[in-house]
Amino acid sequence: MTDSNLPRGIGNPATSAFALVGYTRLEQFSGVSEKELLALHGVGPKAIRVLRETLAAEGLPPMA
């Protein structure tokens, strides 16, 4: 199993989409374009909001 620390609130479709392209750690989303992530099948505004909020809460740099 992959060592993932993605927030549970993202949901399975988005989590699976992220894993397919290699995003399994929260830190990987810093600086990544929201537009790029929304282009992935299964990723919607809710996943982006949860990622944005979690990055901020963890003190990590935001998405682009």
PDB file of N, CA and C in Angstrom:
ATOM      1  N   MET A   1       0.841  -1.188   0.000  1.00  0.00           N
ATOM      2  CA  MET A   1       0.000   0.000   0.000  1.00  0.00           C
ATOM      3  C   MET A   1       0.885   1.250   0.000  1.00  0.00           C
ATOM      4  N   THR A   2       0.446   2.279  -0.695  1.00  0.00           N
ATOM      5  CA  THR A   2       1.187   3.520  -0.804  1.00  0.00           C
ATOM      6  C   THR A   2       1.107   4.296   0.505  1.00  0.00           C
ATOM      7  N   ASP A   3       2.220   4.912   0.869  1.00  0.00           N
ATOM      8  CA  ASP A   3       2.254   5.761   2.059  1.00  0.00           C
ATOM      9  C   ASP A   3       1.636   7.109   1.690  1.00  0.00           C
ATOM     10  N   SER A   4       0.359   7.265   1.978  1.00  0.00           N
ATOM     11  CA  SER A   4      -0.372   8.468   1.608  1.00  0.00           C
ATOM     12  C   SER A   4      -0.801   9.229   2.850  1.00  0.00           C
ATOM     13  N   ASN A   5      -0.740  10.556   2.751  1.00  0.00           N
ATOM     14  CA  ASN A   5      -1.242  11.383   3.851  1.00  0.00           C
ATOM     15  C   ASN A   5      -2.274  12.389   3.353  1.00  0.00           C
ATOM     16  N   LEU A   6      -2.991  12.021   2.298  1.00  0.00           N
ATOM     17  CA  LEU A   6      -4.017  12.912   1.767  1.00  0.00           C
ATOM     18  C   LEU A   6      -5.197  12.969   2.716  1.00  0.00           C
ATOM     19  N   PRO A   7      -5.828  14.136   2.836  1.00  0.00           N
ATOM     20  CA  PRO A   7      -6.975  14.259   3.734  1.00  0.00           C
ATOM     21  C   PRO A   7      -8.132  13.372   3.286  1.00  0.00           C
ATOM     22  N   ARG A   8      -8.824  12.773   4.246  1.00  0.00           N
ATOM     23  CA  ARG A   8      -9.943  11.874   3.941  1.00  0.00           C
ATOM     24  C   ARG A   8     -11.098  12.590   3.250  1.00  0.00           C
ATOM     25  N   GLY A   9     -11.270  13.854   3.489  1.00  0.00           N
ATOM     26  CA  GLY A   9     -12.380  14.600   2.912  1.00  0.00           C
ATOM     27  C   GLY A   9     -12.333  14.763   1.409  1.00  0.00           C
ATOM     28  N   ILE A  10     -11.241  14.374   0.795  1.00  0.00           N
ATOM     29  CA  ILE A  10     -11.113  14.501  -0.659  1.00  0.00           C
ATOM     30  C   ILE A  10     -12.065  13.552  -1.380  1.00  0.00           C
ATOM     31  N   GLY A  11     -12.218  12.358  -0.884  1.00  0.00           N
ATOM     32  CA  GLY A  11     -13.087  11.369  -1.520  1.00  0.00           C
ATOM     33  C   GLY A  11     -12.312  10.414  -2.403  1.00  0.00           C
ATOM     34  N   ASN A  12     -12.867   9.233  -2.583  1.00  0.00           N
ATOM     35  CA  ASN A  12     -12.175   8.179  -3.334  1.00  0.00           C
ATOM     36  C   ASN A  12     -11.923   8.481  -4.808  1.00  0.00           C
ATOM     37  N   PRO A  13     -12.877   9.057  -5.555  1.00  0.00           N
ATOM     38  CA  PRO A  13     -12.585   9.317  -6.970  1.00  0.00           C
ATOM     39  C   PRO A  13     -11.368  10.227  -7.163  1.00  0.00           C
ATOM     40  N   ALA A  14     -11.291  11.297  -6.385  1.00  0.00           N
ATOM     41  CA  ALA A  14     -10.158  12.218  -6.514  1.00  0.00           C
ATOM     42  C   ALA A  14      -8.876  11.580  -6.002  1.00  0.00           C
ATOM     43  N   THR A  15      -8.949  10.864  -4.891  1.00  0.00           N
ATOM     44  CA  THR A  15      -7.763  10.200  -4.349  1.00  0.00           C
ATOM     45  C   THR A  15      -7.198   9.217  -5.363  1.00  0.00           C
ATOM     46  N   SER A  16      -8.071   8.473  -6.017  1.00  0.00           N
ATOM     47  CA  SER A  16      -7.624   7.517  -7.041  1.00  0.00           C
ATOM     48  C   SER A  16      -7.001   8.242  -8.230  1.00  0.00           C
ATOM     49  N   ALA A  17      -7.618   9.335  -8.653  1.00  0.00           N
ATOM     50  CA  ALA A  17      -7.079  10.109  -9.776  1.00  0.00           C
ATOM     51  C   ALA A  17      -5.694  10.654  -9.442  1.00  0.00           C
ATOM     52  N   PHE A  18      -5.538  11.165  -8.225  1.00  0.00           N
ATOM     53  CA  PHE A  18      -4.233  11.689  -7.815  1.00  0.00           C
ATOM     54  C   PHE A  18      -3.188  10.586  -7.794  1.00  0.00           C
ATOM     55  N   ALA A  19      -3.543   9.422  -7.267  1.00  0.00           N
ATOM     56  CA  ALA A  19      -2.602   8.304  -7.180  1.00  0.00           C
ATOM     57  C   ALA A  19      -2.151   7.849  -8.571  1.00  0.00           C
ATOM     58  N   LEU A  20      -3.059   7.871  -9.542  1.00  0.00           N
ATOM     59  CA  LEU A  20      -2.709   7.449 -10.902  1.00  0.00           C
ATOM     60  C   LEU A  20      -1.615   8.315 -11.520  1.00  0.00           C
ATOM     61  N   VAL A  21      -1.568   9.583 -11.132  1.00  0.00           N
ATOM     62  CA  VAL A  21      -0.532  10.468 -11.676  1.00  0.00           C
ATOM     63  C   VAL A  21       0.612  10.690 -10.693  1.00  0.00           C
ATOM     64  N   GLY A  22       0.602   9.959  -9.570  1.00  0.00           N
ATOM     65  CA  GLY A  22       1.737   9.989  -8.654  1.00  0.00           C
ATOM     66  C   GLY A  22       1.632  10.927  -7.469  1.00  0.00           C
ATOM     67  N   TYR A  23       0.471  11.542  -7.270  1.00  0.00           N
ATOM     68  CA  TYR A  23       0.290  12.425  -6.118  1.00  0.00           C
ATOM     69  C   TYR A  23      -0.272  11.619  -4.950  1.00  0.00           C
ATOM     70  N   THR A  24       0.571  11.306  -3.979  1.00  0.00           N
ATOM     71  CA  THR A  24       0.127  10.530  -2.825  1.00  0.00           C
ATOM     72  C   THR A  24       0.414  11.231  -1.500  1.00  0.00           C
ATOM     73  N   ARG A  25       1.179  12.302  -1.547  1.00  0.00           N
ATOM     74  CA  ARG A  25       1.556  13.037  -0.335  1.00  0.00           C
ATOM     75  C   ARG A  25       1.063  14.473  -0.441  1.00  0.00           C
ATOM     76  N   LEU A  26       0.552  14.997   0.641  1.00  0.00           N
ATOM     77  CA  LEU A  26       0.018  16.355   0.668  1.00  0.00           C
ATOM     78  C   LEU A  26       1.040  17.377   0.169  1.00  0.00           C
ATOM     79  N   GLU A  27       2.280  17.190   0.548  1.00  0.00           N
ATOM     80  CA  GLU A  27       3.342  18.140   0.185  1.00  0.00           C
ATOM     81  C   GLU A  27       3.489  18.296  -1.329  1.00  0.00           C
ATOM     82  N   GLN A  28       3.126  17.284  -2.090  1.00  0.00           N
ATOM     83  CA  GLN A  28       3.280  17.315  -3.544  1.00  0.00           C
ATOM     84  C   GLN A  28       2.362  18.335  -4.212  1.00  0.00           C
ATOM     85  N   PHE A  29       1.325  18.775  -3.529  1.00  0.00           N
ATOM     86  CA  PHE A  29       0.364  19.687  -4.128  1.00  0.00           C
ATOM     87  C   PHE A  29       0.788  21.152  -4.030  1.00  0.00           C
ATOM     88  N   SER A  30       1.786  21.458  -3.235  1.00  0.00           N
ATOM     89  CA  SER A  30       2.283  22.827  -3.130  1.00  0.00           C
ATOM     90  C   SER A  30       2.839  23.259  -4.481  1.00  0.00           C
ATOM     91  N   GLY A  31       2.300  24.341  -5.003  1.00  0.00           N
ATOM     92  CA  GLY A  31       2.772  24.872  -6.273  1.00  0.00           C
ATOM     93  C   GLY A  31       2.142  24.245  -7.507  1.00  0.00           C
ATOM     94  N   VAL A  32       1.334  23.197  -7.339  1.00  0.00           N
ATOM     95  CA  VAL A  32       0.667  22.562  -8.469  1.00  0.00           C
ATOM     96  C   VAL A  32      -0.544  23.408  -8.863  1.00  0.00           C
ATOM     97  N   SER A  33      -0.794  23.505 -10.137  1.00  0.00           N
ATOM     98  CA  SER A  33      -1.912  24.296 -10.638  1.00  0.00           C
ATOM     99  C   SER A  33      -3.249  23.632 -10.329  1.00  0.00           C
ATOM    100  N   GLU A  34      -4.176  24.418  -9.777  1.00  0.00           N
ATOM    101  CA  GLU A  34      -5.524  23.906  -9.535  1.00  0.00           C
ATOM    102  C   GLU A  34      -6.169  23.475 -10.848  1.00  0.00           C
ATOM    103  N   LYS A  35      -5.904  24.209 -11.906  1.00  0.00           N
ATOM    104  CA  LYS A  35      -6.452  23.875 -13.230  1.00  0.00           C
ATOM    105  C   LYS A  35      -5.964  22.501 -13.679  1.00  0.00           C
ATOM    106  N   GLU A  36      -4.700  22.211 -13.458  1.00  0.00           N
ATOM    107  CA  GLU A  36      -4.135  20.908 -13.817  1.00  0.00           C
ATOM    108  C   GLU A  36      -4.840  19.784 -13.052  1.00  0.00           C
ATOM    109  N   LEU A  37      -5.080  20.010 -11.770  1.00  0.00           N
ATOM    110  CA  LEU A  37      -5.732  18.987 -10.951  1.00  0.00           C
ATOM    111  C   LEU A  37      -7.191  18.794 -11.348  1.00  0.00           C
ATOM    112  N   LEU A  38      -7.891  19.880 -11.657  1.00  0.00           N
ATOM    113  CA  LEU A  38      -9.290  19.782 -12.062  1.00  0.00           C
ATOM    114  C   LEU A  38      -9.460  19.055 -13.396  1.00  0.00           C
ATOM    115  N   ALA A  39      -8.402  18.992 -14.190  1.00  0.00           N
ATOM    116  CA  ALA A  39      -8.457  18.289 -15.472  1.00  0.00           C
ATOM    117  C   ALA A  39      -8.447  16.771 -15.298  1.00  0.00           C
ATOM    118  N   LEU A  40      -8.097  16.303 -14.100  1.00  0.00           N
ATOM    119  CA  LEU A  40      -8.064  14.868 -13.850  1.00  0.00           C
ATOM    120  C   LEU A  40      -9.480  14.345 -13.623  1.00  0.00           C
ATOM    121  N   HIS A  41      -9.813  13.227 -14.244  1.00  0.00           N
ATOM    122  CA  HIS A  41     -11.137  12.623 -14.084  1.00  0.00           C
ATOM    123  C   HIS A  41     -11.349  12.222 -12.630  1.00  0.00           C
ATOM    124  N   GLY A  42     -12.424  12.700 -12.029  1.00  0.00           N
ATOM    125  CA  GLY A  42     -12.736  12.377 -10.644  1.00  0.00           C
ATOM    126  C   GLY A  42     -12.400  13.477  -9.661  1.00  0.00           C
ATOM    127  N   VAL A  43     -11.751  14.531 -10.148  1.00  0.00           N
ATOM    128  CA  VAL A  43     -11.369  15.642  -9.269  1.00  0.00           C
ATOM    129  C   VAL A  43     -12.312  16.813  -9.507  1.00  0.00           C
ATOM    130  N   GLY A  44     -12.911  17.305  -8.431  1.00  0.00           N
ATOM    131  CA  GLY A  44     -13.838  18.420  -8.540  1.00  0.00           C
ATOM    132  C   GLY A  44     -13.493  19.524  -7.569  1.00  0.00           C
ATOM    133  N   PRO A  45     -14.328  20.547  -7.524  1.00  0.00           N
ATOM    134  CA  PRO A  45     -14.079  21.691  -6.655  1.00  0.00           C
ATOM    135  C   PRO A  45     -13.944  21.325  -5.173  1.00  0.00           C
ATOM    136  N   LYS A  46     -14.689  20.327  -4.717  1.00  0.00           N
ATOM    137  CA  LYS A  46     -14.601  19.929  -3.310  1.00  0.00           C
ATOM    138  C   LYS A  46     -13.191  19.448  -2.978  1.00  0.00           C
ATOM    139  N   ALA A  47     -12.618  18.619  -3.830  1.00  0.00           N
ATOM    140  CA  ALA A  47     -11.262  18.114  -3.588  1.00  0.00           C
ATOM    141  C   ALA A  47     -10.256  19.257  -3.547  1.00  0.00           C
ATOM    142  N   ILE A  48     -10.408  20.213  -4.452  1.00  0.00           N
ATOM    143  CA  ILE A  48      -9.497  21.362  -4.494  1.00  0.00           C
ATOM    144  C   ILE A  48      -9.638  22.179  -3.211  1.00  0.00           C
ATOM    145  N   ARG A  49     -10.875  22.402  -2.765  1.00  0.00           N
ATOM    146  CA  ARG A  49     -11.108  23.165  -1.529  1.00  0.00           C
ATOM    147  C   ARG A  49     -10.470  22.463  -0.334  1.00  0.00           C
ATOM    148  N   VAL A  50     -10.676  21.156  -0.231  1.00  0.00           N
ATOM    149  CA  VAL A  50     -10.113  20.401   0.894  1.00  0.00           C
ATOM    150  C   VAL A  50      -8.588  20.458   0.855  1.00  0.00           C
ATOM    151  N   LEU A  51      -7.997  20.307  -0.317  1.00  0.00           N
ATOM    152  CA  LEU A  51      -6.539  20.396  -0.431  1.00  0.00           C
ATOM    153  C   LEU A  51      -6.042  21.778  -0.034  1.00  0.00           C
ATOM    154  N   ARG A  52      -6.701  22.815  -0.547  1.00  0.00           N
ATOM    155  CA  ARG A  52      -6.295  24.194  -0.252  1.00  0.00           C
ATOM    156  C   ARG A  52      -6.343  24.447   1.261  1.00  0.00           C
ATOM    157  N   GLU A  53      -7.436  24.040   1.894  1.00  0.00           N
ATOM    158  CA  GLU A  53      -7.591  24.252   3.333  1.00  0.00           C
ATOM    159  C   GLU A  53      -6.586  23.443   4.148  1.00  0.00           C
ATOM    160  N   THR A  54      -6.325  22.215   3.727  1.00  0.00           N
ATOM    161  CA  THR A  54      -5.390  21.362   4.460  1.00  0.00           C
ATOM    162  C   THR A  54      -3.960  21.858   4.316  1.00  0.00           C
ATOM    163  N   LEU A  55      -3.583  22.298   3.120  1.00  0.00           N
ATOM    164  CA  LEU A  55      -2.245  22.864   2.936  1.00  0.00           C
ATOM    165  C   LEU A  55      -2.057  24.059   3.868  1.00  0.00           C
ATOM    166  N   ALA A  56      -3.044  24.929   3.925  1.00  0.00           N
ATOM    167  CA  ALA A  56      -2.965  26.111   4.789  1.00  0.00           C
ATOM    168  C   ALA A  56      -2.878  25.711   6.262  1.00  0.00           C
ATOM    169  N   ALA A  57      -3.705  24.751   6.670  1.00  0.00           N
ATOM    170  CA  ALA A  57      -3.718  24.314   8.065  1.00  0.00           C
ATOM    171  C   ALA A  57      -2.388  23.682   8.485  1.00  0.00           C
ATOM    172  N   GLU A  58      -1.722  23.044   7.525  1.00  0.00           N
ATOM    173  CA  GLU A  58      -0.439  22.393   7.820  1.00  0.00           C
ATOM    174  C   GLU A  58       0.749  23.351   7.651  1.00  0.00           C
ATOM    175  N   GLY A  59       0.472  24.577   7.218  1.00  0.00           N
ATOM    176  CA  GLY A  59       1.542  25.559   7.041  1.00  0.00           C
ATOM    177  C   GLY A  59       2.398  25.302   5.810  1.00  0.00           C
ATOM    178  N   LEU A  60       1.832  24.600   4.832  1.00  0.00           N
ATOM    179  CA  LEU A  60       2.554  24.301   3.590  1.00  0.00           C
ATOM    180  C   LEU A  60       2.246  25.359   2.534  1.00  0.00           C
ATOM    181  N   PRO A  61       3.143  25.544   1.570  1.00  0.00           N
ATOM    182  CA  PRO A  61       2.879  26.506   0.497  1.00  0.00           C
ATOM    183  C   PRO A  61       1.601  26.131  -0.270  1.00  0.00           C
ATOM    184  N   PRO A  62       0.884  27.128  -0.765  1.00  0.00           N
ATOM    185  CA  PRO A  62      -0.390  26.869  -1.454  1.00  0.00           C
ATOM    186  C   PRO A  62      -0.200  26.300  -2.852  1.00  0.00           C
ATOM    187  N   MET A  63      -1.320  25.841  -3.416  1.00  0.00           N
ATOM    188  CA  MET A  63      -1.329  25.436  -4.820  1.00  0.00           C
ATOM    189  C   MET A  63      -1.264  26.692  -5.663  1.00  0.00           C
ATOM    190  N   ALA A  64      -0.843  26.521  -6.900  1.00  0.00           N
ATOM    191  CA  ALA A  64      -0.743  27.671  -7.820  1.00  0.00           C
ATOM    192  C   ALA A  64      -2.091  28.012  -8.399  1.00  0.00           C
TER     193      ALA A  64
END
